[in-house]
Amino acid sequence: MLAIIKTGGKQYKVNEGDKIKVEKLEGEEGSKIVFSEVLFLGDEKDVKIGTPILTGVTVEGTILKTAKGKKVTGIKFKPKKRYKVKFGHRQTMTEVEITKIG
């Protein structure tokens, strides 16, 4: 069973047993989480496409851990003003294992 879910402003393609990293979600490690915004659900036999979201369909997962992601750097620069600033940012990510689709 394949599903496409939406969380944190992004879309993720998931199967049962997949481990995905999404933007930080509230909850303790080991707790259950339910994704209610399911955009697509399908397998080899039938397909359901939401307009834009499927009603009555959820994807369940378990929170494995919460940690910081890779560093992203950026630069602010203003020409002819001797202004240049380099900055970095590490987004907090939550790793989720998908347990049930349906």
N, C-alpha and C. Protein backbone atom coordinates (compact mmCIF):
# COMPACT_ATOMS: atom_id res chain seq x y z
N MET A 1 0.86 -1.18 0.00
CA MET A 1 0.00 0.00 0.00
C MET A 1 0.90 1.24 0.00
N LEU A 2 0.60 2.15 -0.86
CA LEU A 2 1.36 3.38 -1.03
C LEU A 2 0.48 4.56 -0.67
N ALA A 3 1.04 5.55 0.00
CA ALA A 3 0.28 6.76 0.34
C ALA A 3 1.19 7.97 0.20
N ILE A 4 0.57 9.10 -0.10
CA ILE A 4 1.28 10.37 -0.10
C ILE A 4 0.62 11.23 0.97
N ILE A 5 1.45 11.65 1.96
CA ILE A 5 0.94 12.45 3.07
C ILE A 5 1.53 13.85 3.01
N LYS A 6 0.87 14.77 3.69
CA LYS A 6 1.33 16.15 3.75
C LYS A 6 1.55 16.52 5.20
N THR A 7 2.75 16.99 5.53
CA THR A 7 3.05 17.47 6.87
C THR A 7 4.19 18.48 6.78
N GLY A 8 4.11 19.51 7.57
CA GLY A 8 5.15 20.53 7.58
C GLY A 8 5.29 21.28 6.27
N GLY A 9 4.22 21.36 5.49
CA GLY A 9 4.27 22.07 4.22
C GLY A 9 4.91 21.29 3.10
N LYS A 10 5.24 20.02 3.33
CA LYS A 10 5.87 19.17 2.33
C LYS A 10 5.07 17.90 2.15
N GLN A 11 5.30 17.21 1.03
CA GLN A 11 4.61 15.95 0.75
C GLN A 11 5.61 14.81 0.77
N TYR A 12 5.21 13.67 1.32
CA TYR A 12 6.08 12.51 1.46
C TYR A 12 5.37 11.27 0.92
N LYS A 13 6.09 10.46 0.14
CA LYS A 13 5.58 9.18 -0.36
C LYS A 13 6.01 8.11 0.63
N VAL A 14 5.04 7.36 1.19
CA VAL A 14 5.36 6.40 2.25
C VAL A 14 4.71 5.04 1.98
N ASN A 15 5.36 4.01 2.48
CA ASN A 15 4.85 2.65 2.55
C ASN A 15 4.89 2.22 4.00
N GLU A 16 4.23 1.13 4.34
CA GLU A 16 4.31 0.62 5.70
C GLU A 16 5.74 0.15 5.97
N GLY A 17 6.26 0.52 7.15
CA GLY A 17 7.62 0.15 7.53
C GLY A 17 8.67 1.17 7.14
N ASP A 18 8.32 2.21 6.38
CA ASP A 18 9.28 3.24 5.98
C ASP A 18 9.63 4.12 7.17
N LYS A 19 10.87 4.64 7.15
CA LYS A 19 11.31 5.62 8.13
C LYS A 19 11.56 6.92 7.38
N ILE A 20 10.87 7.99 7.79
CA ILE A 20 11.02 9.27 7.11
C ILE A 20 11.40 10.34 8.13
N LYS A 21 12.09 11.37 7.64
CA LYS A 21 12.44 12.51 8.48
C LYS A 21 11.59 13.69 8.04
N VAL A 22 10.81 14.22 8.98
CA VAL A 22 9.92 15.35 8.71
C VAL A 22 10.29 16.49 9.66
N GLU A 23 9.74 17.68 9.40
CA GLU A 23 9.97 18.78 10.31
C GLU A 23 9.39 18.46 11.67
N LYS A 24 9.89 19.12 12.70
CA LYS A 24 9.60 18.77 14.09
C LYS A 24 8.10 18.61 14.36
N LEU A 25 7.77 17.48 15.00
CA LEU A 25 6.40 17.19 15.42
C LEU A 25 6.36 17.11 16.94
N GLU A 26 5.25 17.53 17.52
CA GLU A 26 5.09 17.46 18.98
C GLU A 26 4.85 16.01 19.39
N GLY A 27 5.51 15.59 20.46
CA GLY A 27 5.30 14.24 20.98
C GLY A 27 6.60 13.66 21.52
N GLU A 28 6.45 12.68 22.39
CA GLU A 28 7.59 11.99 22.99
C GLU A 28 8.07 10.87 22.07
N GLU A 29 9.30 10.42 22.30
CA GLU A 29 9.82 9.28 21.56
C GLU A 29 9.01 8.04 21.93
N GLY A 30 8.61 7.27 20.93
CA GLY A 30 7.82 6.07 21.16
C GLY A 30 6.32 6.30 21.12
N SER A 31 5.89 7.56 21.05
CA SER A 31 4.45 7.83 21.02
C SER A 31 3.91 7.70 19.59
N LYS A 32 2.62 7.47 19.50
CA LYS A 32 1.95 7.32 18.21
C LYS A 32 1.58 8.69 17.65
N ILE A 33 1.58 8.80 16.33
CA ILE A 33 1.17 10.03 15.66
C ILE A 33 0.30 9.66 14.47
N VAL A 34 -0.70 10.48 14.19
CA VAL A 34 -1.63 10.21 13.10
C VAL A 34 -1.55 11.35 12.09
N PHE A 35 -1.33 11.01 10.83
CA PHE A 35 -1.33 11.97 9.73
C PHE A 35 -2.69 11.89 9.06
N SER A 36 -3.47 12.96 9.16
CA SER A 36 -4.83 12.94 8.60
C SER A 36 -4.88 13.53 7.20
N GLU A 37 -3.87 14.28 6.79
CA GLU A 37 -3.85 14.87 5.45
C GLU A 37 -3.22 13.88 4.47
N VAL A 38 -4.04 12.97 3.93
CA VAL A 38 -3.60 11.98 2.96
C VAL A 38 -4.08 12.43 1.58
N LEU A 39 -3.14 12.59 0.66
CA LEU A 39 -3.47 13.09 -0.67
C LEU A 39 -3.71 11.98 -1.68
N PHE A 40 -3.09 10.81 -1.48
CA PHE A 40 -3.16 9.70 -2.43
C PHE A 40 -3.06 8.40 -1.67
N LEU A 41 -3.82 7.40 -2.11
CA LEU A 41 -3.77 6.07 -1.51
C LEU A 41 -3.97 5.07 -2.62
N GLY A 42 -3.09 4.08 -2.71
CA GLY A 42 -3.25 3.13 -3.80
C GLY A 42 -2.34 1.93 -3.68
N ASP A 43 -2.68 0.90 -4.48
CA ASP A 43 -1.86 -0.29 -4.65
C ASP A 43 -2.05 -0.75 -6.09
N GLU A 44 -1.72 -2.02 -6.36
CA GLU A 44 -1.81 -2.52 -7.74
C GLU A 44 -3.24 -2.61 -8.25
N LYS A 45 -4.23 -2.74 -7.36
CA LYS A 45 -5.61 -2.97 -7.78
C LYS A 45 -6.44 -1.70 -7.92
N ASP A 46 -6.38 -0.81 -6.93
CA ASP A 46 -7.19 0.41 -7.03
C ASP A 46 -6.41 1.62 -6.52
N VAL A 47 -6.87 2.79 -6.91
CA VAL A 47 -6.22 4.05 -6.58
C VAL A 47 -7.28 5.03 -6.11
N LYS A 48 -6.97 5.77 -5.04
CA LYS A 48 -7.85 6.84 -4.56
C LYS A 48 -7.04 8.12 -4.54
N ILE A 49 -7.57 9.13 -5.22
CA ILE A 49 -6.91 10.43 -5.29
C ILE A 49 -7.81 11.45 -4.64
N GLY A 50 -7.26 12.23 -3.71
CA GLY A 50 -8.04 13.23 -3.00
C GLY A 50 -8.19 14.52 -3.80
N THR A 51 -9.23 15.27 -3.46
CA THR A 51 -9.45 16.56 -4.11
C THR A 51 -9.63 17.65 -3.07
N PRO A 52 -8.67 18.14 -2.38
CA PRO A 52 -7.27 17.76 -2.40
C PRO A 52 -6.92 16.69 -1.36
N ILE A 53 -7.78 16.44 -0.37
CA ILE A 53 -7.46 15.50 0.71
C ILE A 53 -8.52 14.40 0.76
N LEU A 54 -8.08 13.16 1.01
CA LEU A 54 -9.01 12.04 1.17
C LEU A 54 -9.65 12.11 2.56
N THR A 55 -10.95 11.89 2.62
CA THR A 55 -11.64 11.91 3.91
C THR A 55 -11.76 10.48 4.44
N GLY A 56 -11.59 10.34 5.74
CA GLY A 56 -11.72 9.04 6.38
C GLY A 56 -10.51 8.15 6.25
N VAL A 57 -9.41 8.65 5.71
CA VAL A 57 -8.19 7.86 5.55
C VAL A 57 -7.09 8.50 6.40
N THR A 58 -6.38 7.68 7.18
CA THR A 58 -5.29 8.18 8.00
C THR A 58 -4.06 7.29 7.84
N VAL A 59 -2.92 7.85 8.15
CA VAL A 59 -1.66 7.11 8.19
C VAL A 59 -1.12 7.26 9.60
N GLU A 60 -0.78 6.12 10.22
CA GLU A 60 -0.28 6.13 11.59
C GLU A 60 1.20 5.84 11.60
N GLY A 61 1.89 6.44 12.58
CA GLY A 61 3.32 6.24 12.70
C GLY A 61 3.75 6.32 14.15
N THR A 62 5.02 5.96 14.38
CA THR A 62 5.62 6.00 15.71
C THR A 62 6.83 6.94 15.65
N ILE A 63 6.94 7.83 16.62
CA ILE A 63 8.09 8.74 16.67
C ILE A 63 9.29 7.98 17.20
N LEU A 64 10.37 7.96 16.40
CA LEU A 64 11.58 7.27 16.81
C LEU A 64 12.52 8.19 17.57
N LYS A 65 12.82 9.37 16.99
CA LYS A 65 13.70 10.31 17.67
C LYS A 65 13.54 11.70 17.07
N THR A 66 13.99 12.69 17.82
CA THR A 66 13.99 14.07 17.37
C THR A 66 15.42 14.58 17.46
N ALA A 67 15.95 15.11 16.36
CA ALA A 67 17.33 15.59 16.32
C ALA A 67 17.43 16.72 15.32
N LYS A 68 18.58 17.36 15.30
CA LYS A 68 18.81 18.44 14.35
C LYS A 68 19.28 17.88 13.01
N GLY A 69 18.87 18.53 11.93
CA GLY A 69 19.25 18.12 10.59
C GLY A 69 20.60 18.72 10.20
N LYS A 70 20.92 18.64 8.91
CA LYS A 70 22.16 19.18 8.40
C LYS A 70 22.14 20.70 8.42
N LYS A 71 23.33 21.30 8.51
CA LYS A 71 23.43 22.75 8.55
C LYS A 71 23.24 23.35 7.16
N VAL A 72 22.45 24.41 7.09
CA VAL A 72 22.24 25.16 5.87
C VAL A 72 22.84 26.54 6.10
N THR A 73 23.70 27.01 5.19
CA THR A 73 24.32 28.31 5.35
C THR A 73 23.75 29.31 4.35
N GLY A 74 23.82 30.56 4.72
CA GLY A 74 23.35 31.63 3.85
C GLY A 74 24.22 32.86 4.03
N ILE A 75 24.10 33.80 3.11
CA ILE A 75 24.91 35.02 3.15
C ILE A 75 24.01 36.22 2.89
N LYS A 76 24.18 37.26 3.70
CA LYS A 76 23.55 38.55 3.43
C LYS A 76 24.67 39.46 2.93
N PHE A 77 24.41 40.17 1.83
CA PHE A 77 25.44 41.00 1.23
C PHE A 77 24.83 42.24 0.62
N LYS A 78 25.44 43.38 0.91
CA LYS A 78 25.02 44.64 0.29
C LYS A 78 26.23 45.26 -0.41
N PRO A 79 26.14 45.41 -1.73
CA PRO A 79 27.30 45.94 -2.45
C PRO A 79 27.59 47.40 -2.10
N LYS A 80 28.85 47.76 -2.13
CA LYS A 80 29.36 49.13 -1.92
C LYS A 80 29.11 49.64 -0.50
N LYS A 81 28.71 48.79 0.42
CA LYS A 81 28.43 49.22 1.79
C LYS A 81 29.30 48.51 2.82
N ARG A 82 30.22 47.64 2.38
CA ARG A 82 31.08 46.85 3.27
C ARG A 82 30.26 46.03 4.27
N TYR A 83 29.18 45.45 3.77
CA TYR A 83 28.30 44.66 4.63
C TYR A 83 28.22 43.24 4.08
N LYS A 84 28.66 42.28 4.88
CA LYS A 84 28.59 40.88 4.50
C LYS A 84 28.45 40.06 5.78
N VAL A 85 27.39 39.25 5.86
CA VAL A 85 27.14 38.42 7.03
C VAL A 85 26.87 37.01 6.57
N LYS A 86 27.57 36.07 7.16
CA LYS A 86 27.34 34.65 6.88
C LYS A 86 26.63 34.05 8.09
N PHE A 87 25.58 33.26 7.83
CA PHE A 87 24.82 32.67 8.93
C PHE A 87 24.53 31.21 8.61
N GLY A 88 24.22 30.45 9.66
CA GLY A 88 23.87 29.04 9.51
C GLY A 88 22.60 28.72 10.28
N HIS A 89 21.97 27.61 9.89
CA HIS A 89 20.73 27.20 10.53
C HIS A 89 20.64 25.68 10.49
N ARG A 90 20.22 25.07 11.60
CA ARG A 90 19.97 23.63 11.66
C ARG A 90 18.53 23.41 12.08
N GLN A 91 17.73 22.87 11.16
CA GLN A 91 16.31 22.62 11.43
C GLN A 91 16.15 21.38 12.29
N THR A 92 15.25 21.42 13.26
CA THR A 92 14.95 20.26 14.09
C THR A 92 14.06 19.31 13.30
N MET A 93 14.48 18.05 13.21
CA MET A 93 13.78 17.03 12.43
C MET A 93 13.30 15.91 13.36
N THR A 94 12.19 15.30 12.99
CA THR A 94 11.65 14.16 13.72
C THR A 94 11.64 12.95 12.79
N GLU A 95 12.20 11.84 13.26
CA GLU A 95 12.20 10.60 12.48
C GLU A 95 10.98 9.78 12.88
N VAL A 96 10.18 9.40 11.87
CA VAL A 96 8.94 8.68 12.10
C VAL A 96 8.95 7.38 11.31
N GLU A 97 8.52 6.29 11.97
CA GLU A 97 8.35 5.01 11.27
C GLU A 97 6.86 4.81 11.02
N ILE A 98 6.50 4.56 9.75
CA ILE A 98 5.11 4.39 9.37
C ILE A 98 4.68 2.97 9.76
N THR A 99 3.61 2.87 10.56
CA THR A 99 3.17 1.57 11.05
C THR A 99 1.90 1.07 10.35
N LYS A 100 0.98 1.99 9.98
CA LYS A 100 -0.30 1.55 9.42
C LYS A 100 -0.81 2.57 8.42
N ILE A 101 -1.28 2.07 7.29
CA ILE A 101 -1.90 2.92 6.27
C ILE A 101 -3.32 2.44 6.08
N GLY A 102 -4.28 3.36 6.17
CA GLY A 102 -5.65 2.94 5.93
C GLY A 102 -6.68 3.74 6.66
